[in-house]
Amino acid sequence: QTADESVLPGGTAYITDVGMTGPVNSVIGVESGIIFERFLSQIPVRFEVAHGPALLCAVIVDIDEATGGARSIERVQLSHS
């Protein structure tokens, strides 16, 4: 999750990368060994969801109902063991 959130002129809420939601010790939410095997062998392998502590990354955007533009944007990051 990047720390560059801002509201641009005209009311567009912007952040470069909101971040991942899923198991922390994983590669895109998949057991890392499976990803390495697939990368090295170039043979398709069934993905299995990784287990363990999870992370949720998100943003909260306050919207001006009259204009439809963003008033503010706030990063959120919650972890669960």
PDB file of N, CA and C in Angstrom:
ATOM      1  N   GLN A   1       0.849  -1.168   0.000  1.00  0.00           N
ATOM      2  CA  GLN A   1       0.000   0.000   0.000  1.00  0.00           C
ATOM      3  C   GLN A   1       0.894   1.232   0.000  1.00  0.00           C
ATOM      4  N   THR A   2       0.682   2.091  -0.982  1.00  0.00           N
ATOM      5  CA  THR A   2       1.488   3.301  -1.056  1.00  0.00           C
ATOM      6  C   THR A   2       0.904   4.379  -0.153  1.00  0.00           C
ATOM      7  N   ALA A   3       1.732   5.338   0.221  1.00  0.00           N
ATOM      8  CA  ALA A   3       1.318   6.418   1.122  1.00  0.00           C
ATOM      9  C   ALA A   3       1.169   7.723   0.353  1.00  0.00           C
ATOM     10  N   ASP A   4       0.592   7.651  -0.845  1.00  0.00           N
ATOM     11  CA  ASP A   4       0.475   8.849  -1.683  1.00  0.00           C
ATOM     12  C   ASP A   4      -0.973   9.231  -1.973  1.00  0.00           C
ATOM     13  N   GLU A   5      -1.868   8.864  -1.068  1.00  0.00           N
ATOM     14  CA  GLU A   5      -3.275   9.170  -1.298  1.00  0.00           C
ATOM     15  C   GLU A   5      -3.491  10.683  -1.295  1.00  0.00           C
ATOM     16  N   SER A   6      -4.358  11.142  -2.185  1.00  0.00           N
ATOM     17  CA  SER A   6      -4.674  12.568  -2.251  1.00  0.00           C
ATOM     18  C   SER A   6      -5.978  12.751  -3.018  1.00  0.00           C
ATOM     19  N   VAL A   7      -6.540  13.930  -2.850  1.00  0.00           N
ATOM     20  CA  VAL A   7      -7.703  14.313  -3.644  1.00  0.00           C
ATOM     21  C   VAL A   7      -7.202  15.326  -4.661  1.00  0.00           C
ATOM     22  N   LEU A   8      -7.346  14.995  -5.925  1.00  0.00           N
ATOM     23  CA  LEU A   8      -6.868  15.841  -7.014  1.00  0.00           C
ATOM     24  C   LEU A   8      -7.861  16.966  -7.295  1.00  0.00           C
ATOM     25  N   PRO A   9      -7.382  18.042  -7.927  1.00  0.00           N
ATOM     26  CA  PRO A   9      -8.313  19.101  -8.325  1.00  0.00           C
ATOM     27  C   PRO A   9      -9.440  18.497  -9.172  1.00  0.00           C
ATOM     28  N   GLY A  10     -10.636  18.900  -8.895  1.00  0.00           N
ATOM     29  CA  GLY A  10     -11.775  18.331  -9.616  1.00  0.00           C
ATOM     30  C   GLY A  10     -12.448  17.216  -8.844  1.00  0.00           C
ATOM     31  N   GLY A  11     -11.845  16.796  -7.702  1.00  0.00           N
ATOM     32  CA  GLY A  11     -12.508  15.834  -6.833  1.00  0.00           C
ATOM     33  C   GLY A  11     -12.249  14.372  -7.094  1.00  0.00           C
ATOM     34  N   THR A  12     -11.129  14.048  -7.756  1.00  0.00           N
ATOM     35  CA  THR A  12     -10.782  12.641  -7.969  1.00  0.00           C
ATOM     36  C   THR A  12      -9.904  12.154  -6.824  1.00  0.00           C
ATOM     37  N   ALA A  13     -10.339  11.088  -6.135  1.00  0.00           N
ATOM     38  CA  ALA A  13      -9.520  10.470  -5.089  1.00  0.00           C
ATOM     39  C   ALA A  13      -8.490   9.587  -5.775  1.00  0.00           C
ATOM     40  N   TYR A  14      -7.216   9.680  -5.339  1.00  0.00           N
ATOM     41  CA  TYR A  14      -6.131   8.952  -6.002  1.00  0.00           C
ATOM     42  C   TYR A  14      -5.237   8.267  -4.975  1.00  0.00           C
ATOM     43  N   ILE A  15      -4.826   7.038  -5.304  1.00  0.00           N
ATOM     44  CA  ILE A  15      -3.764   6.334  -4.595  1.00  0.00           C
ATOM     45  C   ILE A  15      -3.130   5.400  -5.621  1.00  0.00           C
ATOM     46  N   THR A  16      -1.801   5.306  -5.617  1.00  0.00           N
ATOM     47  CA  THR A  16      -1.115   4.496  -6.623  1.00  0.00           C
ATOM     48  C   THR A  16      -1.422   3.015  -6.460  1.00  0.00           C
ATOM     49  N   ASP A  17      -1.363   2.509  -5.225  1.00  0.00           N
ATOM     50  CA  ASP A  17      -1.558   1.075  -4.978  1.00  0.00           C
ATOM     51  C   ASP A  17      -2.269   0.902  -3.647  1.00  0.00           C
ATOM     52  N   VAL A  18      -3.497   0.435  -3.684  1.00  0.00           N
ATOM     53  CA  VAL A  18      -4.266   0.240  -2.454  1.00  0.00           C
ATOM     54  C   VAL A  18      -3.658  -0.870  -1.610  1.00  0.00           C
ATOM     55  N   GLY A  19      -3.054  -1.871  -2.231  1.00  0.00           N
ATOM     56  CA  GLY A  19      -2.422  -2.951  -1.490  1.00  0.00           C
ATOM     57  C   GLY A  19      -3.180  -4.256  -1.619  1.00  0.00           C
ATOM     58  N   MET A  20      -2.657  -5.267  -0.949  1.00  0.00           N
ATOM     59  CA  MET A  20      -3.196  -6.617  -1.048  1.00  0.00           C
ATOM     60  C   MET A  20      -4.175  -6.899   0.085  1.00  0.00           C
ATOM     61  N   THR A  21      -5.139  -7.737  -0.195  1.00  0.00           N
ATOM     62  CA  THR A  21      -5.988  -8.302   0.834  1.00  0.00           C
ATOM     63  C   THR A  21      -5.846  -9.807   0.732  1.00  0.00           C
ATOM     64  N   GLY A  22      -5.359 -10.430   1.811  1.00  0.00           N
ATOM     65  CA  GLY A  22      -5.172 -11.873   1.806  1.00  0.00           C
ATOM     66  C   GLY A  22      -4.075 -12.294   2.757  1.00  0.00           C
ATOM     67  N   PRO A  23      -3.652 -13.554   2.663  1.00  0.00           N
ATOM     68  CA  PRO A  23      -2.624 -14.085   3.548  1.00  0.00           C
ATOM     69  C   PRO A  23      -1.299 -13.330   3.394  1.00  0.00           C
ATOM     70  N   VAL A  24      -0.706 -12.942   4.511  1.00  0.00           N
ATOM     71  CA  VAL A  24       0.530 -12.155   4.506  1.00  0.00           C
ATOM     72  C   VAL A  24       1.701 -12.949   3.935  1.00  0.00           C
ATOM     73  N   ASN A  25       1.870 -14.187   4.364  1.00  0.00           N
ATOM     74  CA  ASN A  25       3.009 -15.006   3.933  1.00  0.00           C
ATOM     75  C   ASN A  25       2.647 -15.793   2.680  1.00  0.00           C
ATOM     76  N   SER A  26       2.425 -15.067   1.592  1.00  0.00           N
ATOM     77  CA  SER A  26       1.987 -15.690   0.349  1.00  0.00           C
ATOM     78  C   SER A  26       2.475 -14.869  -0.836  1.00  0.00           C
ATOM     79  N   VAL A  27       2.230 -15.405  -2.012  1.00  0.00           N
ATOM     80  CA  VAL A  27       2.467 -14.671  -3.253  1.00  0.00           C
ATOM     81  C   VAL A  27       1.101 -14.552  -3.921  1.00  0.00           C
ATOM     82  N   ILE A  28       0.599 -13.354  -4.028  1.00  0.00           N
ATOM     83  CA  ILE A  28      -0.760 -13.071  -4.517  1.00  0.00           C
ATOM     84  C   ILE A  28      -1.823 -13.962  -3.864  1.00  0.00           C
ATOM     85  N   GLY A  29      -1.646 -14.269  -2.582  1.00  0.00           N
ATOM     86  CA  GLY A  29      -2.619 -15.057  -1.836  1.00  0.00           C
ATOM     87  C   GLY A  29      -2.481 -16.557  -1.974  1.00  0.00           C
ATOM     88  N   VAL A  30      -1.446 -17.007  -2.692  1.00  0.00           N
ATOM     89  CA  VAL A  30      -1.238 -18.433  -2.967  1.00  0.00           C
ATOM     90  C   VAL A  30       0.013 -18.906  -2.230  1.00  0.00           C
ATOM     91  N   GLU A  31       0.016 -20.202  -1.841  1.00  0.00           N
ATOM     92  CA  GLU A  31       1.203 -20.790  -1.213  1.00  0.00           C
ATOM     93  C   GLU A  31       2.431 -20.478  -2.070  1.00  0.00           C
ATOM     94  N   SER A  32       3.476 -19.917  -1.466  1.00  0.00           N
ATOM     95  CA  SER A  32       4.640 -19.458  -2.233  1.00  0.00           C
ATOM     96  C   SER A  32       5.351 -20.587  -2.973  1.00  0.00           C
ATOM     97  N   GLY A  33       5.416 -21.781  -2.408  1.00  0.00           N
ATOM     98  CA  GLY A  33       6.070 -22.908  -3.074  1.00  0.00           C
ATOM     99  C   GLY A  33       5.434 -23.239  -4.412  1.00  0.00           C
ATOM    100  N   ILE A  34       4.118 -23.117  -4.486  1.00  0.00           N
ATOM    101  CA  ILE A  34       3.396 -23.396  -5.730  1.00  0.00           C
ATOM    102  C   ILE A  34       3.765 -22.363  -6.792  1.00  0.00           C
ATOM    103  N   ILE A  35       3.851 -21.117  -6.390  1.00  0.00           N
ATOM    104  CA  ILE A  35       4.209 -20.049  -7.334  1.00  0.00           C
ATOM    105  C   ILE A  35       5.625 -20.263  -7.856  1.00  0.00           C
ATOM    106  N   PHE A  36       6.569 -20.599  -6.961  1.00  0.00           N
ATOM    107  CA  PHE A  36       7.959 -20.832  -7.384  1.00  0.00           C
ATOM    108  C   PHE A  36       8.037 -22.012  -8.348  1.00  0.00           C
ATOM    109  N   GLU A  37       7.305 -23.091  -8.024  1.00  0.00           N
ATOM    110  CA  GLU A  37       7.296 -24.279  -8.888  1.00  0.00           C
ATOM    111  C   GLU A  37       6.792 -23.927 -10.287  1.00  0.00           C
ATOM    112  N   ARG A  38       5.702 -23.196 -10.333  1.00  0.00           N
ATOM    113  CA  ARG A  38       5.131 -22.810 -11.629  1.00  0.00           C
ATOM    114  C   ARG A  38       6.096 -21.916 -12.410  1.00  0.00           C
ATOM    115  N   PHE A  39       6.729 -20.974 -11.728  1.00  0.00           N
ATOM    116  CA  PHE A  39       7.659 -20.058 -12.389  1.00  0.00           C
ATOM    117  C   PHE A  39       8.864 -20.807 -12.947  1.00  0.00           C
ATOM    118  N   LEU A  40       9.438 -21.683 -12.145  1.00  0.00           N
ATOM    119  CA  LEU A  40      10.654 -22.388 -12.563  1.00  0.00           C
ATOM    120  C   LEU A  40      10.386 -23.449 -13.623  1.00  0.00           C
ATOM    121  N   SER A  41       9.259 -24.149 -13.530  1.00  0.00           N
ATOM    122  CA  SER A  41       8.973 -25.233 -14.479  1.00  0.00           C
ATOM    123  C   SER A  41       8.192 -24.760 -15.703  1.00  0.00           C
ATOM    124  N   GLN A  42       7.536 -23.602 -15.592  1.00  0.00           N
ATOM    125  CA  GLN A  42       6.672 -23.075 -16.656  1.00  0.00           C
ATOM    126  C   GLN A  42       5.516 -24.026 -16.983  1.00  0.00           C
ATOM    127  N   ILE A  43       5.190 -24.905 -16.026  1.00  0.00           N
ATOM    128  CA  ILE A  43       4.081 -25.848 -16.178  1.00  0.00           C
ATOM    129  C   ILE A  43       2.941 -25.376 -15.271  1.00  0.00           C
ATOM    130  N   PRO A  44       1.730 -25.271 -15.804  1.00  0.00           N
ATOM    131  CA  PRO A  44       0.603 -24.834 -14.974  1.00  0.00           C
ATOM    132  C   PRO A  44       0.406 -25.754 -13.763  1.00  0.00           C
ATOM    133  N   VAL A  45       0.187 -25.146 -12.632  1.00  0.00           N
ATOM    134  CA  VAL A  45      -0.024 -25.870 -11.376  1.00  0.00           C
ATOM    135  C   VAL A  45      -1.269 -25.277 -10.718  1.00  0.00           C
ATOM    136  N   ARG A  46      -2.075 -26.136 -10.099  1.00  0.00           N
ATOM    137  CA  ARG A  46      -3.279 -25.651  -9.408  1.00  0.00           C
ATOM    138  C   ARG A  46      -2.867 -24.776  -8.220  1.00  0.00           C
ATOM    139  N   PHE A  47      -3.440 -23.595  -8.156  1.00  0.00           N
ATOM    140  CA  PHE A  47      -3.172 -22.692  -7.038  1.00  0.00           C
ATOM    141  C   PHE A  47      -3.920 -23.164  -5.799  1.00  0.00           C
ATOM    142  N   GLU A  48      -3.288 -23.021  -4.650  1.00  0.00           N
ATOM    143  CA  GLU A  48      -3.922 -23.306  -3.366  1.00  0.00           C
ATOM    144  C   GLU A  48      -3.784 -22.068  -2.497  1.00  0.00           C
ATOM    145  N   VAL A  49      -4.884 -21.662  -1.899  1.00  0.00           N
ATOM    146  CA  VAL A  49      -4.878 -20.477  -1.053  1.00  0.00           C
ATOM    147  C   VAL A  49      -3.950 -20.703   0.134  1.00  0.00           C
ATOM    148  N   ALA A  50      -3.110 -19.726   0.410  1.00  0.00           N
ATOM    149  CA  ALA A  50      -2.209 -19.795   1.559  1.00  0.00           C
ATOM    150  C   ALA A  50      -3.014 -19.588   2.840  1.00  0.00           C
ATOM    151  N   HIS A  51      -2.475 -20.085   3.936  1.00  0.00           N
ATOM    152  CA  HIS A  51      -3.124 -19.943   5.238  1.00  0.00           C
ATOM    153  C   HIS A  51      -2.233 -19.114   6.149  1.00  0.00           C
ATOM    154  N   GLY A  52      -2.792 -18.654   7.242  1.00  0.00           N
ATOM    155  CA  GLY A  52      -2.020 -17.887   8.209  1.00  0.00           C
ATOM    156  C   GLY A  52      -2.563 -16.480   8.369  1.00  0.00           C
ATOM    157  N   PRO A  53      -1.770 -15.624   9.021  1.00  0.00           N
ATOM    158  CA  PRO A  53      -2.214 -14.252   9.275  1.00  0.00           C
ATOM    159  C   PRO A  53      -2.617 -13.547   7.977  1.00  0.00           C
ATOM    160  N   ALA A  54      -3.683 -12.764   8.062  1.00  0.00           N
ATOM    161  CA  ALA A  54      -4.191 -12.076   6.871  1.00  0.00           C
ATOM    162  C   ALA A  54      -4.114 -10.566   7.045  1.00  0.00           C
ATOM    163  N   LEU A  55      -4.137  -9.888   5.912  1.00  0.00           N
ATOM    164  CA  LEU A  55      -4.069  -8.432   5.876  1.00  0.00           C
ATOM    165  C   LEU A  55      -5.153  -7.921   4.934  1.00  0.00           C
ATOM    166  N   LEU A  56      -5.827  -6.858   5.347  1.00  0.00           N
ATOM    167  CA  LEU A  56      -6.808  -6.212   4.488  1.00  0.00           C
ATOM    168  C   LEU A  56      -6.344  -4.781   4.255  1.00  0.00           C
ATOM    169  N   CYS A  57      -6.157  -4.417   3.008  1.00  0.00           N
ATOM    170  CA  CYS A  57      -5.801  -3.049   2.638  1.00  0.00           C
ATOM    171  C   CYS A  57      -6.965  -2.450   1.864  1.00  0.00           C
ATOM    172  N   ALA A  58      -7.308  -1.208   2.189  1.00  0.00           N
ATOM    173  CA  ALA A  58      -8.444  -0.559   1.537  1.00  0.00           C
ATOM    174  C   ALA A  58      -8.295   0.950   1.655  1.00  0.00           C
ATOM    175  N   VAL A  59      -9.238   1.666   1.081  1.00  0.00           N
ATOM    176  CA  VAL A  59      -9.333   3.108   1.287  1.00  0.00           C
ATOM    177  C   VAL A  59     -10.780   3.460   1.600  1.00  0.00           C
ATOM    178  N   ILE A  60     -10.937   4.520   2.358  1.00  0.00           N
ATOM    179  CA  ILE A  60     -12.254   5.086   2.625  1.00  0.00           C
ATOM    180  C   ILE A  60     -12.274   6.449   1.953  1.00  0.00           C
ATOM    181  N   VAL A  61     -13.253   6.651   1.096  1.00  0.00           N
ATOM    182  CA  VAL A  61     -13.376   7.918   0.375  1.00  0.00           C
ATOM    183  C   VAL A  61     -14.674   8.592   0.800  1.00  0.00           C
ATOM    184  N   ASP A  62     -14.566   9.836   1.255  1.00  0.00           N
ATOM    185  CA  ASP A  62     -15.744  10.634   1.590  1.00  0.00           C
ATOM    186  C   ASP A  62     -16.155  11.386   0.328  1.00  0.00           C
ATOM    187  N   ILE A  63     -17.382  11.161  -0.106  1.00  0.00           N
ATOM    188  CA  ILE A  63     -17.887  11.729  -1.357  1.00  0.00           C
ATOM    189  C   ILE A  63     -18.867  12.871  -1.071  1.00  0.00           C
ATOM    190  N   ASP A  64     -18.697  13.974  -1.758  1.00  0.00           N
ATOM    191  CA  ASP A  64     -19.642  15.090  -1.702  1.00  0.00           C
ATOM    192  C   ASP A  64     -20.859  14.702  -2.543  1.00  0.00           C
ATOM    193  N   GLU A  65     -21.998  14.519  -1.894  1.00  0.00           N
ATOM    194  CA  GLU A  65     -23.198  14.063  -2.611  1.00  0.00           C
ATOM    195  C   GLU A  65     -23.680  15.072  -3.652  1.00  0.00           C
ATOM    196  N   ALA A  66     -23.421  16.338  -3.427  1.00  0.00           N
ATOM    197  CA  ALA A  66     -23.885  17.362  -4.367  1.00  0.00           C
ATOM    198  C   ALA A  66     -23.088  17.350  -5.667  1.00  0.00           C
ATOM    199  N   THR A  67     -21.772  17.156  -5.556  1.00  0.00           N
ATOM    200  CA  THR A  67     -20.913  17.220  -6.749  1.00  0.00           C
ATOM    201  C   THR A  67     -20.470  15.856  -7.254  1.00  0.00           C
ATOM    202  N   GLY A  68     -20.523  14.844  -6.381  1.00  0.00           N
ATOM    203  CA  GLY A  68     -20.015  13.517  -6.746  1.00  0.00           C
ATOM    204  C   GLY A  68     -18.510  13.411  -6.640  1.00  0.00           C
ATOM    205  N   GLY A  69     -17.868  14.496  -6.233  1.00  0.00           N
ATOM    206  CA  GLY A  69     -16.410  14.496  -6.094  1.00  0.00           C
ATOM    207  C   GLY A  69     -15.974  14.044  -4.713  1.00  0.00           C
ATOM    208  N   ALA A  70     -14.733  13.606  -4.629  1.00  0.00           N
ATOM    209  CA  ALA A  70     -14.181  13.169  -3.345  1.00  0.00           C
ATOM    210  C   ALA A  70     -13.816  14.377  -2.491  1.00  0.00           C
ATOM    211  N   ARG A  71     -14.139  14.292  -1.199  1.00  0.00           N
ATOM    212  CA  ARG A  71     -13.715  15.318  -0.245  1.00  0.00           C
ATOM    213  C   ARG A  71     -12.435  14.892   0.453  1.00  0.00           C
ATOM    214  N   SER A  72     -12.311  13.568   0.688  1.00  0.00           N
ATOM    215  CA  SER A  72     -11.115  13.063   1.369  1.00  0.00           C
ATOM    216  C   SER A  72     -10.917  11.591   1.028  1.00  0.00           C
ATOM    217  N   ILE A  73      -9.693  11.129   1.250  1.00  0.00           N
ATOM    218  CA  ILE A  73      -9.359   9.713   1.069  1.00  0.00           C
ATOM    219  C   ILE A  73      -8.460   9.312   2.235  1.00  0.00           C
ATOM    220  N   GLU A  74      -8.720   8.140   2.805  1.00  0.00           N
ATOM    221  CA  GLU A  74      -7.960   7.665   3.967  1.00  0.00           C
ATOM    222  C   GLU A  74      -7.559   6.206   3.749  1.00  0.00           C
ATOM    223  N   ARG A  75      -6.274   5.905   3.967  1.00  0.00           N
ATOM    224  CA  ARG A  75      -5.798   4.525   3.871  1.00  0.00           C
ATOM    225  C   ARG A  75      -6.242   3.732   5.091  1.00  0.00           C
ATOM    226  N   VAL A  76      -6.559   2.449   4.875  1.00  0.00           N
ATOM    227  CA  VAL A  76      -6.929   1.533   5.953  1.00  0.00           C
ATOM    228  C   VAL A  76      -6.101   0.269   5.781  1.00  0.00           C
ATOM    229  N   GLN A  77      -5.538  -0.215   6.888  1.00  0.00           N
ATOM    230  CA  GLN A  77      -4.797  -1.476   6.853  1.00  0.00           C
ATOM    231  C   GLN A  77      -5.097  -2.223   8.149  1.00  0.00           C
ATOM    232  N   LEU A  78      -5.750  -3.379   8.018  1.00  0.00           N
ATOM    233  CA  LEU A  78      -6.123  -4.191   9.170  1.00  0.00           C
ATOM    234  C   LEU A  78      -5.439  -5.542   9.063  1.00  0.00           C
ATOM    235  N   SER A  79      -4.885  -6.008  10.179  1.00  0.00           N
ATOM    236  CA  SER A  79      -4.257  -7.330  10.165  1.00  0.00           C
ATOM    237  C   SER A  79      -4.991  -8.247  11.131  1.00  0.00           C
ATOM    238  N   HIS A  80      -4.934  -9.559  10.827  1.00  0.00           N
ATOM    239  CA  HIS A  80      -5.596 -10.569  11.643  1.00  0.00           C
ATOM    240  C   HIS A  80      -4.683 -11.776  11.739  1.00  0.00           C
ATOM    241  N   SER A  81      -4.410 -12.189  12.950  1.00  0.00           N
ATOM    242  CA  SER A  81      -3.511 -13.336  13.155  1.00  0.00           C
ATOM    243  C   SER A  81      -4.253 -14.641  13.144  1.00  0.00           C
TER     244      SER A  81
END
